[in-house]
């Protein structure tokens, strides 16, 4: 566990360990939950499909493509839940492959009208 005070900035870093220097990593989705085994019922989205959902979420520059850095303010799920668990999905792509998911940024998917 990592202990922080409420509203304290929480800094995270995800590193890709690979012998291939031409890979980059991209934070696609991060969801918080008070239950480490359930990220579907009571959740809070920090970022979804590359789109920031929480106003305190920030991406930070990394000089290395295989390292993703980000931060957000610590929060709690009401007083009944003493812990918050984080689940993130990261995407690994080829460096300079601008058609890959890593270079698309925020991808919002709109539902189409099925009517006539």
PDB file of N, CA and C in Angstrom:
ATOM      1  N   UNK A   1       0.833  -1.215   0.000  1.00  0.00           N
ATOM      2  CA  UNK A   1       0.000   0.000   0.000  1.00  0.00           C
ATOM      3  C   UNK A   1       0.862   1.257   0.000  1.00  0.00           C
ATOM      4  N   UNK A   2       0.277   2.305  -0.536  1.00  0.00           N
ATOM      5  CA  UNK A   2       0.930   3.605  -0.573  1.00  0.00           C
ATOM      6  C   UNK A   2      -0.008   4.580   0.113  1.00  0.00           C
ATOM      7  N   UNK A   3       0.441   5.223   1.175  1.00  0.00           N
ATOM      8  CA  UNK A   3      -0.422   6.091   1.970  1.00  0.00           C
ATOM      9  C   UNK A   3      -0.222   7.547   1.588  1.00  0.00           C
ATOM     10  N   UNK A   4      -1.334   8.238   1.310  1.00  0.00           N
ATOM     11  CA  UNK A   4      -1.296   9.661   0.995  1.00  0.00           C
ATOM     12  C   UNK A   4      -2.458  10.344   1.702  1.00  0.00           C
ATOM     13  N   UNK A   5      -2.321  11.636   1.896  1.00  0.00           N
ATOM     14  CA  UNK A   5      -3.406  12.425   2.466  1.00  0.00           C
ATOM     15  C   UNK A   5      -4.370  12.821   1.356  1.00  0.00           C
ATOM     16  N   UNK A   6      -5.609  13.107   1.729  1.00  0.00           N
ATOM     17  CA  UNK A   6      -6.585  13.562   0.751  1.00  0.00           C
ATOM     18  C   UNK A   6      -6.096  14.824   0.060  1.00  0.00           C
ATOM     19  N   UNK A   7      -6.360  14.925  -1.221  1.00  0.00           N
ATOM     20  CA  UNK A   7      -5.973  16.049  -2.081  1.00  0.00           C
ATOM     21  C   UNK A   7      -4.473  16.210  -2.277  1.00  0.00           C
ATOM     22  N   UNK A   8      -3.692  15.278  -1.771  1.00  0.00           N
ATOM     23  CA  UNK A   8      -2.255  15.312  -2.028  1.00  0.00           C
ATOM     24  C   UNK A   8      -2.024  14.798  -3.445  1.00  0.00           C
ATOM     25  N   UNK A   9      -1.086  15.401  -4.162  1.00  0.00           N
ATOM     26  CA  UNK A   9      -0.764  14.908  -5.496  1.00  0.00           C
ATOM     27  C   UNK A   9      -0.105  13.543  -5.407  1.00  0.00           C
ATOM     28  N   UNK A  10      -0.607  12.630  -6.205  1.00  0.00           N
ATOM     29  CA  UNK A  10      -0.067  11.282  -6.268  1.00  0.00           C
ATOM     30  C   UNK A  10       0.602  11.129  -7.637  1.00  0.00           C
ATOM     31  N   UNK A  11       1.902  10.906  -7.647  1.00  0.00           N
ATOM     32  CA  UNK A  11       2.659  10.800  -8.898  1.00  0.00           C
ATOM     33  C   UNK A  11       2.916   9.331  -9.201  1.00  0.00           C
ATOM     34  N   UNK A  12       2.664   8.938 -10.456  1.00  0.00           N
ATOM     35  CA  UNK A  12       2.880   7.563 -10.872  1.00  0.00           C
ATOM     36  C   UNK A  12       3.734   7.514 -12.124  1.00  0.00           C
ATOM     37  N   UNK A  13       4.410   6.394 -12.283  1.00  0.00           N
ATOM     38  CA  UNK A  13       5.223   6.180 -13.464  1.00  0.00           C
ATOM     39  C   UNK A  13       5.097   4.721 -13.865  1.00  0.00           C
ATOM     40  N   UNK A  14       4.871   4.489 -15.140  1.00  0.00           N
ATOM     41  CA  UNK A  14       4.820   3.133 -15.688  1.00  0.00           C
ATOM     42  C   UNK A  14       5.986   2.989 -16.651  1.00  0.00           C
ATOM     43  N   UNK A  15       6.765   1.924 -16.471  1.00  0.00           N
ATOM     44  CA  UNK A  15       7.938   1.692 -17.306  1.00  0.00           C
ATOM     45  C   UNK A  15       7.796   0.385 -18.053  1.00  0.00           C
ATOM     46  N   UNK A  16       8.179   0.408 -19.300  1.00  0.00           N
ATOM     47  CA  UNK A  16       8.189  -0.782 -20.132  1.00  0.00           C
ATOM     48  C   UNK A  16       9.604  -1.348 -20.112  1.00  0.00           C
ATOM     49  N   UNK A  17       9.725  -2.591 -19.737  1.00  0.00           N
ATOM     50  CA  UNK A  17      11.039  -3.234 -19.695  1.00  0.00           C
ATOM     51  C   UNK A  17      11.156  -4.149 -20.904  1.00  0.00           C
ATOM     52  N   UNK A  18      11.899  -3.688 -21.904  1.00  0.00           N
ATOM     53  CA  UNK A  18      12.070  -4.435 -23.144  1.00  0.00           C
ATOM     54  C   UNK A  18      13.441  -4.126 -23.734  1.00  0.00           C
ATOM     55  N   UNK A  19      13.978  -5.079 -24.441  1.00  0.00           N
ATOM     56  CA  UNK A  19      15.268  -4.845 -25.093  1.00  0.00           C
ATOM     57  C   UNK A  19      15.099  -4.091 -26.410  1.00  0.00           C
ATOM     58  N   UNK A  20      13.840  -3.900 -26.835  1.00  0.00           N
ATOM     59  CA  UNK A  20      13.560  -3.170 -28.074  1.00  0.00           C
ATOM     60  C   UNK A  20      13.458  -1.676 -27.765  1.00  0.00           C
ATOM     61  N   UNK A  21      14.405  -0.850 -28.235  1.00  0.00           N
ATOM     62  CA  UNK A  21      14.381   0.583 -27.930  1.00  0.00           C
ATOM     63  C   UNK A  21      13.354   1.361 -28.755  1.00  0.00           C
ATOM     64  N   UNK A  22      12.690   0.714 -29.698  1.00  0.00           N
ATOM     65  CA  UNK A  22      11.741   1.401 -30.576  1.00  0.00           C
ATOM     66  C   UNK A  22      10.295   1.217 -30.139  1.00  0.00           C
ATOM     67  N   UNK A  23      10.080   1.072 -28.847  1.00  0.00           N
ATOM     68  CA  UNK A  23       8.726   0.937 -28.323  1.00  0.00           C
ATOM     69  C   UNK A  23       8.396   2.132 -27.440  1.00  0.00           C
ATOM     70  N   UNK A  24       7.150   2.562 -27.487  1.00  0.00           N
ATOM     71  CA  UNK A  24       6.659   3.634 -26.624  1.00  0.00           C
ATOM     72  C   UNK A  24       5.441   3.126 -25.863  1.00  0.00           C
ATOM     73  N   UNK A  25       5.168   3.765 -24.736  1.00  0.00           N
ATOM     74  CA  UNK A  25       4.028   3.365 -23.906  1.00  0.00           C
ATOM     75  C   UNK A  25       3.082   4.553 -23.751  1.00  0.00           C
ATOM     76  N   UNK A  26       1.783   4.259 -23.740  1.00  0.00           N
ATOM     77  CA  UNK A  26       0.740   5.282 -23.686  1.00  0.00           C
ATOM     78  C   UNK A  26      -0.299   4.888 -22.646  1.00  0.00           C
ATOM     79  N   UNK A  27      -0.652   5.822 -21.751  1.00  0.00           N
ATOM     80  CA  UNK A  27      -1.692   5.564 -20.754  1.00  0.00           C
ATOM     81  C   UNK A  27      -3.044   5.767 -21.433  1.00  0.00           C
ATOM     82  N   UNK A  28      -3.781   4.678 -21.604  1.00  0.00           N
ATOM     83  CA  UNK A  28      -5.074   4.736 -22.277  1.00  0.00           C
ATOM     84  C   UNK A  28      -6.211   4.948 -21.288  1.00  0.00           C
ATOM     85  N   UNK A  29      -6.256   4.147 -20.229  1.00  0.00           N
ATOM     86  CA  UNK A  29      -7.374   4.186 -19.282  1.00  0.00           C
ATOM     87  C   UNK A  29      -6.885   3.913 -17.872  1.00  0.00           C
ATOM     88  N   UNK A  30      -7.368   4.699 -16.908  1.00  0.00           N
ATOM     89  CA  UNK A  30      -7.120   4.440 -15.485  1.00  0.00           C
ATOM     90  C   UNK A  30      -8.433   4.626 -14.739  1.00  0.00           C
ATOM     91  N   UNK A  31      -8.808   3.606 -13.994  1.00  0.00           N
ATOM     92  CA  UNK A  31     -10.061   3.606 -13.245  1.00  0.00           C
ATOM     93  C   UNK A  31      -9.753   3.281 -11.786  1.00  0.00           C
ATOM     94  N   UNK A  32     -10.388   3.984 -10.877  1.00  0.00           N
ATOM     95  CA  UNK A  32     -10.220   3.744  -9.448  1.00  0.00           C
ATOM     96  C   UNK A  32     -11.456   3.050  -8.896  1.00  0.00           C
ATOM     97  N   UNK A  33     -11.235   2.245  -7.856  1.00  0.00           N
ATOM     98  CA  UNK A  33     -12.329   1.525  -7.206  1.00  0.00           C
ATOM     99  C   UNK A  33     -11.978   1.299  -5.737  1.00  0.00           C
ATOM    100  N   UNK A  34     -12.989   1.239  -4.863  1.00  0.00           N
ATOM    101  CA  UNK A  34     -12.708   0.900  -3.467  1.00  0.00           C
ATOM    102  C   UNK A  34     -12.549  -0.612  -3.263  1.00  0.00           C
ATOM    103  N   UNK A  35     -12.855  -1.403  -4.301  1.00  0.00           N
ATOM    104  CA  UNK A  35     -12.789  -2.861  -4.226  1.00  0.00           C
ATOM    105  C   UNK A  35     -11.742  -3.362  -5.224  1.00  0.00           C
ATOM    106  N   UNK A  36     -10.661  -3.993  -4.755  1.00  0.00           N
ATOM    107  CA  UNK A  36      -9.594  -4.408  -5.669  1.00  0.00           C
ATOM    108  C   UNK A  36     -10.007  -5.497  -6.656  1.00  0.00           C
ATOM    109  N   UNK A  37     -11.134  -6.153  -6.416  1.00  0.00           N
ATOM    110  CA  UNK A  37     -11.575  -7.221  -7.311  1.00  0.00           C
ATOM    111  C   UNK A  37     -12.781  -6.824  -8.163  1.00  0.00           C
ATOM    112  N   UNK A  38     -13.211  -5.561  -8.061  1.00  0.00           N
ATOM    113  CA  UNK A  38     -14.380  -5.126  -8.826  1.00  0.00           C
ATOM    114  C   UNK A  38     -14.151  -3.717  -9.364  1.00  0.00           C
ATOM    115  N   UNK A  39     -13.875  -3.627 -10.654  1.00  0.00           N
ATOM    116  CA  UNK A  39     -13.675  -2.337 -11.299  1.00  0.00           C
ATOM    117  C   UNK A  39     -14.830  -2.029 -12.243  1.00  0.00           C
ATOM    118  N   UNK A  40     -16.040  -2.521 -11.893  1.00  0.00           N
ATOM    119  CA  UNK A  40     -17.211  -2.290 -12.734  1.00  0.00           C
ATOM    120  C   UNK A  40     -18.372  -1.619 -11.987  1.00  0.00           C
ATOM    121  N   UNK A  41     -18.513  -1.893 -10.706  1.00  0.00           N
ATOM    122  CA  UNK A  41     -19.681  -1.395  -9.980  1.00  0.00           C
ATOM    123  C   UNK A  41     -19.498   0.041  -9.497  1.00  0.00           C
ATOM    124  N   UNK A  42     -18.712   0.243  -8.460  1.00  0.00           N
ATOM    125  CA  UNK A  42     -18.458   1.582  -7.914  1.00  0.00           C
ATOM    126  C   UNK A  42     -17.067   2.002  -8.366  1.00  0.00           C
ATOM    127  N   UNK A  43     -17.005   2.827  -9.408  1.00  0.00           N
ATOM    128  CA  UNK A  43     -15.713   3.218  -9.963  1.00  0.00           C
ATOM    129  C   UNK A  43     -15.653   4.721 -10.199  1.00  0.00           C
ATOM    130  N   UNK A  44     -14.449   5.181 -10.411  1.00  0.00           N
ATOM    131  CA  UNK A  44     -14.224   6.572 -10.760  1.00  0.00           C
ATOM    132  C   UNK A  44     -13.163   6.596 -11.850  1.00  0.00           C
ATOM    133  N   UNK A  45     -13.470   7.213 -12.978  1.00  0.00           N
ATOM    134  CA  UNK A  45     -12.555   7.265 -14.110  1.00  0.00           C
ATOM    135  C   UNK A  45     -11.623   8.466 -14.008  1.00  0.00           C
ATOM    136  N   UNK A  46     -10.346   8.214 -14.135  1.00  0.00           N
ATOM    137  CA  UNK A  46      -9.358   9.287 -14.206  1.00  0.00           C
ATOM    138  C   UNK A  46      -9.082   9.641 -15.660  1.00  0.00           C
ATOM    139  N   UNK A  47      -8.956   8.612 -16.493  1.00  0.00           N
ATOM    140  CA  UNK A  47      -8.736   8.788 -17.919  1.00  0.00           C
ATOM    141  C   UNK A  47      -9.360   7.583 -18.619  1.00  0.00           C
ATOM    142  N   UNK A  48     -10.040   7.814 -19.740  1.00  0.00           N
ATOM    143  CA  UNK A  48     -10.703   6.739 -20.487  1.00  0.00           C
ATOM    144  C   UNK A  48     -10.449   6.952 -21.973  1.00  0.00           C
ATOM    145  N   UNK A  49      -9.905   5.960 -22.633  1.00  0.00           N
ATOM    146  CA  UNK A  49      -9.567   6.028 -24.067  1.00  0.00           C
ATOM    147  C   UNK A  49      -8.711   7.251 -24.393  1.00  0.00           C
ATOM    148  N   UNK A  50      -7.785   7.565 -23.469  1.00  0.00           N
ATOM    149  CA  UNK A  50      -6.894   8.704 -23.679  1.00  0.00           C
ATOM    150  C   UNK A  50      -7.517  10.045 -23.367  1.00  0.00           C
ATOM    151  N   UNK A  51      -8.808  10.063 -22.983  1.00  0.00           N
ATOM    152  CA  UNK A  51      -9.518  11.310 -22.671  1.00  0.00           C
ATOM    153  C   UNK A  51      -9.534  11.516 -21.154  1.00  0.00           C
ATOM    154  N   UNK A  52      -9.008  12.634 -20.705  1.00  0.00           N
ATOM    155  CA  UNK A  52      -8.955  12.936 -19.278  1.00  0.00           C
ATOM    156  C   UNK A  52     -10.366  13.157 -18.745  1.00  0.00           C
ATOM    157  N   UNK A  53     -10.710  12.445 -17.666  1.00  0.00           N
ATOM    158  CA  UNK A  53     -12.034  12.548 -17.047  1.00  0.00           C
ATOM    159  C   UNK A  53     -11.995  13.273 -15.706  1.00  0.00           C
ATOM    160  N   UNK A  54     -10.835  13.299 -15.078  1.00  0.00           N
ATOM    161  CA  UNK A  54     -10.682  13.954 -13.777  1.00  0.00           C
ATOM    162  C   UNK A  54      -9.872  15.234 -13.960  1.00  0.00           C
ATOM    163  N   UNK A  55     -10.386  16.366 -13.449  1.00  0.00           N
ATOM    164  CA  UNK A  55      -9.684  17.645 -13.664  1.00  0.00           C
ATOM    165  C   UNK A  55      -8.312  17.725 -12.997  1.00  0.00           C
ATOM    166  N   UNK A  56      -8.023  16.845 -12.037  1.00  0.00           N
ATOM    167  CA  UNK A  56      -6.712  16.889 -11.383  1.00  0.00           C
ATOM    168  C   UNK A  56      -5.686  15.992 -12.072  1.00  0.00           C
ATOM    169  N   UNK A  57      -6.121  15.217 -13.066  1.00  0.00           N
ATOM    170  CA  UNK A  57      -5.209  14.316 -13.780  1.00  0.00           C
ATOM    171  C   UNK A  57      -4.287  15.123 -14.683  1.00  0.00           C
ATOM    172  N   UNK A  58      -3.000  14.804 -14.652  1.00  0.00           N
ATOM    173  CA  UNK A  58      -2.019  15.466 -15.510  1.00  0.00           C
ATOM    174  C   UNK A  58      -1.022  14.446 -16.029  1.00  0.00           C
ATOM    175  N   UNK A  59      -0.683  14.575 -17.297  1.00  0.00           N
ATOM    176  CA  UNK A  59       0.409  13.789 -17.865  1.00  0.00           C
ATOM    177  C   UNK A  59       1.680  14.599 -17.726  1.00  0.00           C
ATOM    178  N   UNK A  60       2.787  13.913 -17.534  1.00  0.00           N
ATOM    179  CA  UNK A  60       4.071  14.596 -17.393  1.00  0.00           C
ATOM    180  C   UNK A  60       5.040  14.110 -18.455  1.00  0.00           C
ATOM    181  N   UNK A  61       5.855  15.022 -18.917  1.00  0.00           N
ATOM    182  CA  UNK A  61       6.850  14.702 -19.922  1.00  0.00           C
ATOM    183  C   UNK A  61       7.850  13.679 -19.390  1.00  0.00           C
ATOM    184  N   UNK A  62       8.210  12.748 -20.232  1.00  0.00           N
ATOM    185  CA  UNK A  62       9.282  11.817 -19.922  1.00  0.00           C
ATOM    186  C   UNK A  62      10.257  11.843 -21.090  1.00  0.00           C
ATOM    187  N   UNK A  63      11.543  11.923 -20.828  1.00  0.00           N
ATOM    188  CA  UNK A  63      12.515  11.919 -21.923  1.00  0.00           C
ATOM    189  C   UNK A  63      12.628  10.548 -22.594  1.00  0.00           C
ATOM    190  N   UNK A  64      11.981   9.557 -22.010  1.00  0.00           N
ATOM    191  CA  UNK A  64      12.042   8.195 -22.535  1.00  0.00           C
ATOM    192  C   UNK A  64      10.656   7.754 -23.002  1.00  0.00           C
ATOM    193  N   UNK A  65      10.566   7.227 -24.209  1.00  0.00           N
ATOM    194  CA  UNK A  65       9.277   6.793 -24.751  1.00  0.00           C
ATOM    195  C   UNK A  65       8.712   5.581 -24.053  1.00  0.00           C
ATOM    196  N   UNK A  66       9.591   4.806 -23.393  1.00  0.00           N
ATOM    197  CA  UNK A  66       9.104   3.606 -22.717  1.00  0.00           C
ATOM    198  C   UNK A  66       8.706   3.868 -21.262  1.00  0.00           C
ATOM    199  N   UNK A  67       8.554   5.157 -20.911  1.00  0.00           N
ATOM    200  CA  UNK A  67       8.119   5.554 -19.568  1.00  0.00           C
ATOM    201  C   UNK A  67       6.960   6.532 -19.695  1.00  0.00           C
ATOM    202  N   UNK A  68       5.865   6.234 -18.992  1.00  0.00           N
ATOM    203  CA  UNK A  68       4.710   7.141 -18.942  1.00  0.00           C
ATOM    204  C   UNK A  68       4.603   7.684 -17.520  1.00  0.00           C
ATOM    205  N   UNK A  69       4.445   8.988 -17.401  1.00  0.00           N
ATOM    206  CA  UNK A  69       4.340   9.632 -16.084  1.00  0.00           C
ATOM    207  C   UNK A  69       3.045  10.415 -16.002  1.00  0.00           C
ATOM    208  N   UNK A  70       2.348  10.277 -14.861  1.00  0.00           N
ATOM    209  CA  UNK A  70       1.109  11.017 -14.674  1.00  0.00           C
ATOM    210  C   UNK A  70       0.847  11.193 -13.186  1.00  0.00           C
ATOM    211  N   UNK A  71      -0.108  12.071 -12.877  1.00  0.00           N
ATOM    212  CA  UNK A  71      -0.431  12.367 -11.483  1.00  0.00           C
ATOM    213  C   UNK A  71      -1.899  12.748 -11.373  1.00  0.00           C
ATOM    214  N   UNK A  72      -2.420  12.648 -10.146  1.00  0.00           N
ATOM    215  CA  UNK A  72      -3.771  13.112  -9.837  1.00  0.00           C
ATOM    216  C   UNK A  72      -3.859  13.343  -8.341  1.00  0.00           C
ATOM    217  N   UNK A  73      -4.884  14.067  -7.913  1.00  0.00           N
ATOM    218  CA  UNK A  73      -5.083  14.323  -6.486  1.00  0.00           C
ATOM    219  C   UNK A  73      -5.720  13.114  -5.829  1.00  0.00           C
ATOM    220  N   UNK A  74      -5.184  12.724  -4.678  1.00  0.00           N
ATOM    221  CA  UNK A  74      -5.723  11.595  -3.931  1.00  0.00           C
ATOM    222  C   UNK A  74      -7.136  11.921  -3.450  1.00  0.00           C
ATOM    223  N   UNK A  75      -8.008  10.930  -3.485  1.00  0.00           N
ATOM    224  CA  UNK A  75      -9.397  11.112  -3.077  1.00  0.00           C
ATOM    225  C   UNK A  75      -9.879   9.843  -2.375  1.00  0.00           C
ATOM    226  N   UNK A  76     -11.087   9.888  -1.839  1.00  0.00           N
ATOM    227  CA  UNK A  76     -11.648   8.696  -1.190  1.00  0.00           C
ATOM    228  C   UNK A  76     -13.067   8.466  -1.702  1.00  0.00           C
ATOM    229  N   UNK A  77     -13.509   7.223  -1.625  1.00  0.00           N
ATOM    230  CA  UNK A  77     -14.884   6.859  -1.968  1.00  0.00           C
ATOM    231  C   UNK A  77     -15.697   6.912  -0.676  1.00  0.00           C
ATOM    232  N   UNK A  78     -16.234   8.056  -0.364  1.00  0.00           N
ATOM    233  CA  UNK A  78     -17.014   8.263   0.859  1.00  0.00           C
ATOM    234  C   UNK A  78     -16.209   7.728   2.052  1.00  0.00           C
ATOM    235  N   UNK A  79     -16.690   7.863   3.242  1.00  0.00           N
ATOM    236  CA  UNK A  79     -15.921   7.459   4.420  1.00  0.00           C
ATOM    237  C   UNK A  79     -15.955   5.958   4.687  1.00  0.00           C
ATOM    238  N   UNK A  80     -16.842   5.241   4.026  1.00  0.00           N
ATOM    239  CA  UNK A  80     -16.945   3.801   4.282  1.00  0.00           C
ATOM    240  C   UNK A  80     -15.797   3.012   3.665  1.00  0.00           C
ATOM    241  N   UNK A  81     -15.087   3.580   2.732  1.00  0.00           N
ATOM    242  CA  UNK A  81     -14.028   2.868   2.023  1.00  0.00           C
ATOM    243  C   UNK A  81     -12.676   3.497   2.333  1.00  0.00           C
ATOM    244  N   UNK A  82     -11.874   2.849   3.162  1.00  0.00           N
ATOM    245  CA  UNK A  82     -10.593   3.447   3.560  1.00  0.00           C
ATOM    246  C   UNK A  82      -9.511   3.404   2.476  1.00  0.00           C
ATOM    247  N   UNK A  83      -9.688   2.546   1.464  1.00  0.00           N
ATOM    248  CA  UNK A  83      -8.667   2.403   0.429  1.00  0.00           C
ATOM    249  C   UNK A  83      -9.238   2.655  -0.959  1.00  0.00           C
ATOM    250  N   UNK A  84      -8.369   3.088  -1.847  1.00  0.00           N
ATOM    251  CA  UNK A  84      -8.718   3.272  -3.250  1.00  0.00           C
ATOM    252  C   UNK A  84      -7.707   2.469  -4.061  1.00  0.00           C
ATOM    253  N   UNK A  85      -8.210   1.668  -4.987  1.00  0.00           N
ATOM    254  CA  UNK A  85      -7.354   0.841  -5.843  1.00  0.00           C
ATOM    255  C   UNK A  85      -7.407   1.385  -7.261  1.00  0.00           C
ATOM    256  N   UNK A  86      -6.287   1.296  -7.939  1.00  0.00           N
ATOM    257  CA  UNK A  86      -6.172   1.851  -9.282  1.00  0.00           C
ATOM    258  C   UNK A  86      -5.869   0.735 -10.273  1.00  0.00           C
ATOM    259  N   UNK A  87      -6.594   0.745 -11.393  1.00  0.00           N
ATOM    260  CA  UNK A  87      -6.339  -0.201 -12.472  1.00  0.00           C
ATOM    261  C   UNK A  87      -6.146   0.613 -13.750  1.00  0.00           C
ATOM    262  N   UNK A  88      -4.996   0.435 -14.390  1.00  0.00           N
ATOM    263  CA  UNK A  88      -4.689   1.195 -15.600  1.00  0.00           C
ATOM    264  C   UNK A  88      -4.417   0.252 -16.770  1.00  0.00           C
ATOM    265  N   UNK A  89      -4.830   0.717 -17.933  1.00  0.00           N
ATOM    266  CA  UNK A  89      -4.536   0.006 -19.174  1.00  0.00           C
ATOM    267  C   UNK A  89      -3.571   0.875 -19.977  1.00  0.00           C
ATOM    268  N   UNK A  90      -2.457   0.282 -20.342  1.00  0.00           N
ATOM    269  CA  UNK A  90      -1.454   0.983 -21.127  1.00  0.00           C
ATOM    270  C   UNK A  90      -1.307   0.289 -22.472  1.00  0.00           C
ATOM    271  N   UNK A  91      -0.922   1.052 -23.465  1.00  0.00           N
ATOM    272  CA  UNK A  91      -0.752   0.535 -24.811  1.00  0.00           C
ATOM    273  C   UNK A  91       0.729   0.676 -25.183  1.00  0.00           C
ATOM    274  N   UNK A  92       1.255  -0.348 -25.814  1.00  0.00           N
ATOM    275  CA  UNK A  92       2.633  -0.324 -26.284  1.00  0.00           C
ATOM    276  C   UNK A  92       2.606  -0.273 -27.810  1.00  0.00           C
ATOM    277  N   UNK A  93       3.360   0.664 -28.376  1.00  0.00           N
ATOM    278  CA  UNK A  93       3.375   0.862 -29.833  1.00  0.00           C
ATOM    279  C   UNK A  93       4.809   1.016 -30.321  1.00  0.00           C
ATOM    280  N   UNK A  94       4.950   0.961 -31.623  1.00  0.00           N
ATOM    281  CA  UNK A  94       6.236   1.239 -32.258  1.00  0.00           C
ATOM    282  C   UNK A  94       6.480   2.744 -32.259  1.00  0.00           C
ATOM    283  N   UNK A  95       7.713   3.125 -31.977  1.00  0.00           N
ATOM    284  CA  UNK A  95       8.110   4.528 -32.005  1.00  0.00           C
ATOM    285  C   UNK A  95       7.903   5.081 -33.413  1.00  0.00           C
ATOM    286  N   UNK A  96       7.317   6.268 -33.497  1.00  0.00           N
ATOM    287  CA  UNK A  96       7.053   6.989 -34.756  1.00  0.00           C
ATOM    288  C   UNK A  96       6.022   6.323 -35.665  1.00  0.00           C
ATOM    289  N   UNK A  97       5.240   5.378 -35.136  1.00  0.00           N
ATOM    290  CA  UNK A  97       4.133   4.804 -35.918  1.00  0.00           C
ATOM    291  C   UNK A  97       2.906   5.661 -35.615  1.00  0.00           C
ATOM    292  N   UNK A  98       2.750   6.730 -36.370  1.00  0.00           N
ATOM    293  CA  UNK A  98       1.721   7.724 -36.072  1.00  0.00           C
ATOM    294  C   UNK A  98       0.304   7.234 -36.337  1.00  0.00           C
ATOM    295  N   UNK A  99       0.158   6.068 -36.945  1.00  0.00           N
ATOM    296  CA  UNK A  99      -1.175   5.494 -37.125  1.00  0.00           C
ATOM    297  C   UNK A  99      -1.554   4.612 -35.933  1.00  0.00           C
ATOM    298  N   UNK A 100      -0.638   4.396 -35.005  1.00  0.00           N
ATOM    299  CA  UNK A 100      -0.903   3.529 -33.849  1.00  0.00           C
ATOM    300  C   UNK A 100      -1.713   4.258 -32.779  1.00  0.00           C
ATOM    301  N   UNK A 101      -2.253   3.504 -31.871  1.00  0.00           N
ATOM    302  CA  UNK A 101      -3.075   4.041 -30.780  1.00  0.00           C
ATOM    303  C   UNK A 101      -2.298   5.042 -29.920  1.00  0.00           C
ATOM    304  N   UNK A 102      -1.022   4.838 -29.744  1.00  0.00           N
ATOM    305  CA  UNK A 102      -0.218   5.701 -28.877  1.00  0.00           C
ATOM    306  C   UNK A 102      -0.167   7.152 -29.353  1.00  0.00           C
ATOM    307  N   UNK A 103      -0.334   7.369 -30.641  1.00  0.00           N
ATOM    308  CA  UNK A 103      -0.223   8.717 -31.192  1.00  0.00           C
ATOM    309  C   UNK A 103      -1.578   9.357 -31.480  1.00  0.00           C
ATOM    310  N   UNK A 104      -2.674   8.672 -31.160  1.00  0.00           N
ATOM    311  CA  UNK A 104      -4.005   9.212 -31.444  1.00  0.00           C
ATOM    312  C   UNK A 104      -4.536  10.114 -30.337  1.00  0.00           C
ATOM    313  N   UNK A 105      -4.008   9.984 -29.122  1.00  0.00           N
ATOM    314  CA  UNK A 105      -4.493  10.796 -28.007  1.00  0.00           C
ATOM    315  C   UNK A 105      -5.892  10.416 -27.595  1.00  0.00           C
ATOM    316  N   UNK A 106      -6.714  11.410 -27.321  1.00  0.00           N
ATOM    317  CA  UNK A 106      -8.092  11.183 -26.862  1.00  0.00           C
ATOM    318  C   UNK A 106      -8.938  10.661 -28.017  1.00  0.00           C
ATOM    319  N   UNK A 107      -9.573   9.520 -27.791  1.00  0.00           N
ATOM    320  CA  UNK A 107     -10.452   8.931 -28.793  1.00  0.00           C
ATOM    321  C   UNK A 107     -11.841   8.838 -28.188  1.00  0.00           C
ATOM    322  N   UNK A 108     -12.728   9.733 -28.613  1.00  0.00           N
ATOM    323  CA  UNK A 108     -14.104   9.666 -28.112  1.00  0.00           C
ATOM    324  C   UNK A 108     -14.954   8.940 -29.153  1.00  0.00           C
ATOM    325  N   UNK A 109     -15.675   7.974 -28.681  1.00  0.00           N
ATOM    326  CA  UNK A 109     -16.503   7.176 -29.569  1.00  0.00           C
ATOM    327  C   UNK A 109     -17.954   7.616 -29.418  1.00  0.00           C
ATOM    328  N   UNK A 110     -18.545   8.038 -30.512  1.00  0.00           N
ATOM    329  CA  UNK A 110     -19.927   8.488 -30.481  1.00  0.00           C
ATOM    330  C   UNK A 110     -20.830   7.363 -30.978  1.00  0.00           C
ATOM    331  N   UNK A 111     -21.981   7.199 -30.331  1.00  0.00           N
ATOM    332  CA  UNK A 111     -22.951   6.209 -30.778  1.00  0.00           C
ATOM    333  C   UNK A 111     -23.750   6.780 -31.925  1.00  0.00           C
ATOM    334  N   UNK A 112     -23.943   5.946 -32.932  1.00  0.00           N
ATOM    335  CA  UNK A 112     -24.723   6.389 -34.078  1.00  0.00           C
ATOM    336  C   UNK A 112     -26.197   6.108 -33.853  1.00  0.00           C
ATOM    337  N   UNK A 113     -27.023   6.923 -34.441  1.00  0.00           N
ATOM    338  CA  UNK A 113     -28.458   6.733 -34.368  1.00  0.00           C
ATOM    339  C   UNK A 113     -28.842   5.579 -35.285  1.00  0.00           C
ATOM    340  N   UNK A 114     -29.516   4.556 -34.731  1.00  0.00           N
ATOM    341  CA  UNK A 114     -29.891   3.390 -35.529  1.00  0.00           C
ATOM    342  C   UNK A 114     -31.215   3.600 -36.247  1.00  0.00           C
ATOM    343  N   UNK A 115     -31.866   4.719 -36.015  1.00  0.00           N
ATOM    344  CA  UNK A 115     -33.150   5.001 -36.663  1.00  0.00           C
ATOM    345  C   UNK A 115     -32.984   5.354 -38.126  1.00  0.00           C
ATOM    346  N   UNK A 116     -34.088   5.528 -38.808  1.00  0.00           N
ATOM    347  CA  UNK A 116     -34.039   5.851 -40.241  1.00  0.00           C
ATOM    348  C   UNK A 116     -33.504   7.210 -40.367  1.00  0.00           C
TER     349      UNK A 116
END
